[in-house]
Amino acid sequence: MPSPADLAAEFDVLMRRAGLTVPEQRRATVLASYADFREQMALLHDRYAYTDEPSNVFRLTRPGGL
């Protein structure tokens, strides 16, 4: 996990790229939510390998086997 300063800088870059402006009075709360989101993504990312996910393949055949 990045340091709080690095996390804030990353957050600011992402908000600028998205064209969003977070009001200053809400920045601390949104930044805390972003930090939590990053932690949750790290947990989910390493939880399963792609081979653990079931794959569905659907095949439709026409009447008469064509």
N, C-alpha and C. Protein backbone atom coordinates (compact mmCIF):
# COMPACT_ATOMS: atom_id res chain seq x y z
N MET A 1 0.85 -1.18 0.00
CA MET A 1 0.00 0.00 0.00
C MET A 1 0.89 1.24 0.00
N PRO A 2 0.59 2.20 -0.84
CA PRO A 2 1.40 3.42 -0.88
C PRO A 2 1.25 4.25 0.40
N SER A 3 2.19 5.14 0.60
CA SER A 3 2.12 6.05 1.76
C SER A 3 0.91 6.98 1.59
N PRO A 4 0.45 7.59 2.67
CA PRO A 4 -0.69 8.51 2.56
C PRO A 4 -0.46 9.64 1.55
N ALA A 5 0.76 10.17 1.49
CA ALA A 5 1.05 11.24 0.53
C ALA A 5 0.99 10.73 -0.90
N ASP A 6 1.55 9.54 -1.13
CA ASP A 6 1.50 8.95 -2.47
C ASP A 6 0.08 8.60 -2.88
N LEU A 7 -0.69 8.10 -1.92
CA LEU A 7 -2.09 7.76 -2.20
C LEU A 7 -2.88 9.01 -2.57
N ALA A 8 -2.66 10.10 -1.85
CA ALA A 8 -3.35 11.35 -2.15
C ALA A 8 -2.95 11.88 -3.52
N ALA A 9 -1.67 11.77 -3.86
CA ALA A 9 -1.22 12.22 -5.18
C ALA A 9 -1.84 11.37 -6.28
N GLU A 10 -1.89 10.07 -6.07
CA GLU A 10 -2.51 9.16 -7.06
C GLU A 10 -3.99 9.49 -7.23
N PHE A 11 -4.67 9.72 -6.12
CA PHE A 11 -6.08 10.07 -6.15
C PHE A 11 -6.30 11.36 -6.94
N ASP A 12 -5.46 12.37 -6.68
CA ASP A 12 -5.59 13.64 -7.39
C ASP A 12 -5.41 13.47 -8.89
N VAL A 13 -4.43 12.65 -9.28
CA VAL A 13 -4.20 12.40 -10.71
C VAL A 13 -5.42 11.72 -11.33
N LEU A 14 -5.95 10.72 -10.65
CA LEU A 14 -7.11 10.01 -11.19
C LEU A 14 -8.33 10.92 -11.30
N MET A 15 -8.53 11.78 -10.33
CA MET A 15 -9.66 12.71 -10.39
C MET A 15 -9.49 13.70 -11.54
N ARG A 16 -8.27 14.18 -11.76
CA ARG A 16 -8.01 15.10 -12.88
C ARG A 16 -8.26 14.41 -14.21
N ARG A 17 -7.76 13.17 -14.33
CA ARG A 17 -7.97 12.41 -15.58
C ARG A 17 -9.45 12.21 -15.87
N ALA A 18 -10.22 11.97 -14.82
CA ALA A 18 -11.66 11.74 -14.98
C ALA A 18 -12.43 13.03 -15.15
N GLY A 19 -11.77 14.16 -14.93
CA GLY A 19 -12.44 15.45 -15.06
C GLY A 19 -13.35 15.75 -13.89
N LEU A 20 -13.06 15.16 -12.73
CA LEU A 20 -13.90 15.35 -11.55
C LEU A 20 -13.25 16.32 -10.57
N THR A 21 -14.08 17.06 -9.90
CA THR A 21 -13.62 17.97 -8.85
C THR A 21 -14.29 17.56 -7.55
N VAL A 22 -13.47 17.16 -6.58
CA VAL A 22 -14.01 16.77 -5.28
C VAL A 22 -13.97 18.01 -4.39
N PRO A 23 -15.11 18.40 -3.83
CA PRO A 23 -15.12 19.57 -2.94
C PRO A 23 -14.17 19.35 -1.76
N GLU A 24 -13.49 20.40 -1.36
CA GLU A 24 -12.48 20.30 -0.30
C GLU A 24 -13.06 19.75 0.99
N GLN A 25 -14.30 20.10 1.32
CA GLN A 25 -14.90 19.62 2.56
C GLN A 25 -15.20 18.12 2.52
N ARG A 26 -15.19 17.51 1.33
CA ARG A 26 -15.46 16.08 1.20
C ARG A 26 -14.21 15.27 0.84
N ARG A 27 -13.12 15.95 0.58
CA ARG A 27 -11.91 15.29 0.09
C ARG A 27 -11.40 14.22 1.05
N ALA A 28 -11.34 14.51 2.33
CA ALA A 28 -10.81 13.55 3.31
C ALA A 28 -11.64 12.27 3.33
N THR A 29 -12.96 12.41 3.27
CA THR A 29 -13.83 11.23 3.28
C THR A 29 -13.69 10.42 2.01
N VAL A 30 -13.66 11.10 0.88
CA VAL A 30 -13.53 10.40 -0.40
C VAL A 30 -12.15 9.74 -0.50
N LEU A 31 -11.13 10.40 -0.02
CA LEU A 31 -9.78 9.84 -0.03
C LEU A 31 -9.71 8.59 0.85
N ALA A 32 -10.37 8.61 2.01
CA ALA A 32 -10.41 7.42 2.87
C ALA A 32 -11.14 6.28 2.17
N SER A 33 -12.20 6.60 1.45
CA SER A 33 -12.93 5.57 0.69
C SER A 33 -12.06 5.01 -0.41
N TYR A 34 -11.30 5.86 -1.06
CA TYR A 34 -10.40 5.40 -2.12
C TYR A 34 -9.32 4.47 -1.55
N ALA A 35 -8.78 4.79 -0.38
CA ALA A 35 -7.78 3.93 0.26
C ALA A 35 -8.38 2.57 0.58
N ASP A 36 -9.61 2.57 1.09
CA ASP A 36 -10.29 1.31 1.38
C ASP A 36 -10.54 0.52 0.10
N PHE A 37 -10.94 1.20 -0.95
CA PHE A 37 -11.16 0.55 -2.25
C PHE A 37 -9.88 -0.12 -2.74
N ARG A 38 -8.75 0.57 -2.61
CA ARG A 38 -7.46 -0.01 -3.03
C ARG A 38 -7.14 -1.28 -2.25
N GLU A 39 -7.40 -1.27 -0.95
CA GLU A 39 -7.15 -2.45 -0.13
C GLU A 39 -8.05 -3.61 -0.54
N GLN A 40 -9.32 -3.33 -0.80
CA GLN A 40 -10.25 -4.37 -1.21
C GLN A 40 -9.87 -4.96 -2.57
N MET A 41 -9.45 -4.12 -3.49
CA MET A 41 -9.03 -4.60 -4.80
C MET A 41 -7.82 -5.52 -4.68
N ALA A 42 -6.89 -5.19 -3.80
CA ALA A 42 -5.71 -6.04 -3.60
C ALA A 42 -6.13 -7.41 -3.07
N LEU A 43 -7.10 -7.43 -2.16
CA LEU A 43 -7.58 -8.71 -1.64
C LEU A 43 -8.24 -9.55 -2.72
N LEU A 44 -9.08 -8.93 -3.50
CA LEU A 44 -9.79 -9.65 -4.55
C LEU A 44 -8.86 -10.09 -5.67
N HIS A 45 -7.89 -9.27 -5.99
CA HIS A 45 -6.99 -9.57 -7.10
C HIS A 45 -6.18 -10.83 -6.85
N ASP A 46 -5.74 -11.04 -5.63
CA ASP A 46 -4.89 -12.18 -5.32
C ASP A 46 -5.66 -13.39 -4.79
N ARG A 47 -6.96 -13.29 -4.74
CA ARG A 47 -7.75 -14.36 -4.11
C ARG A 47 -7.82 -15.62 -4.96
N TYR A 48 -8.07 -15.49 -6.23
CA TYR A 48 -8.25 -16.65 -7.10
C TYR A 48 -7.40 -16.51 -8.35
N ALA A 49 -6.95 -17.63 -8.85
CA ALA A 49 -6.27 -17.64 -10.14
C ALA A 49 -7.34 -17.67 -11.24
N TYR A 50 -6.98 -17.28 -12.42
CA TYR A 50 -7.95 -17.28 -13.51
C TYR A 50 -8.44 -18.69 -13.80
N THR A 51 -7.65 -19.70 -13.46
CA THR A 51 -8.05 -21.09 -13.71
C THR A 51 -9.14 -21.56 -12.75
N ASP A 52 -9.35 -20.82 -11.65
CA ASP A 52 -10.39 -21.18 -10.69
C ASP A 52 -11.77 -20.70 -11.13
N GLU A 53 -11.83 -19.82 -12.09
CA GLU A 53 -13.10 -19.30 -12.55
C GLU A 53 -13.72 -20.25 -13.56
N PRO A 54 -14.98 -20.58 -13.39
CA PRO A 54 -15.62 -21.47 -14.36
C PRO A 54 -15.82 -20.75 -15.69
N SER A 55 -15.70 -21.51 -16.72
CA SER A 55 -15.91 -20.96 -18.05
C SER A 55 -17.18 -21.57 -18.64
N ASN A 56 -17.99 -20.75 -19.22
CA ASN A 56 -19.21 -21.23 -19.85
C ASN A 56 -19.08 -21.10 -21.35
N VAL A 57 -19.37 -22.19 -22.02
CA VAL A 57 -19.35 -22.20 -23.48
C VAL A 57 -20.73 -22.67 -23.93
N PHE A 58 -21.36 -21.84 -24.71
CA PHE A 58 -22.68 -22.19 -25.21
C PHE A 58 -22.58 -22.48 -26.69
N ARG A 59 -23.14 -23.61 -27.08
CA ARG A 59 -23.18 -23.97 -28.51
C ARG A 59 -24.62 -24.23 -28.88
N LEU A 60 -25.05 -23.54 -29.88
CA LEU A 60 -26.41 -23.72 -30.37
C LEU A 60 -26.34 -24.41 -31.72
N THR A 61 -27.14 -25.42 -31.88
CA THR A 61 -27.20 -26.09 -33.18
C THR A 61 -28.58 -25.88 -33.77
N ARG A 62 -28.59 -25.77 -35.06
CA ARG A 62 -29.86 -25.59 -35.75
C ARG A 62 -30.58 -26.94 -35.85
N PRO A 63 -31.87 -26.86 -35.96
CA PRO A 63 -32.61 -28.12 -36.20
C PRO A 63 -32.07 -28.79 -37.46
N GLY A 64 -31.85 -30.06 -37.39
CA GLY A 64 -31.31 -30.78 -38.54
C GLY A 64 -29.80 -30.88 -38.47
N GLY A 65 -29.18 -30.33 -37.44
CA GLY A 65 -27.74 -30.48 -37.24
C GLY A 65 -26.87 -29.57 -38.08
N LEU A 66 -27.41 -28.54 -38.71
CA LEU A 66 -26.60 -27.66 -39.56
C LEU A 66 -26.03 -26.52 -38.78
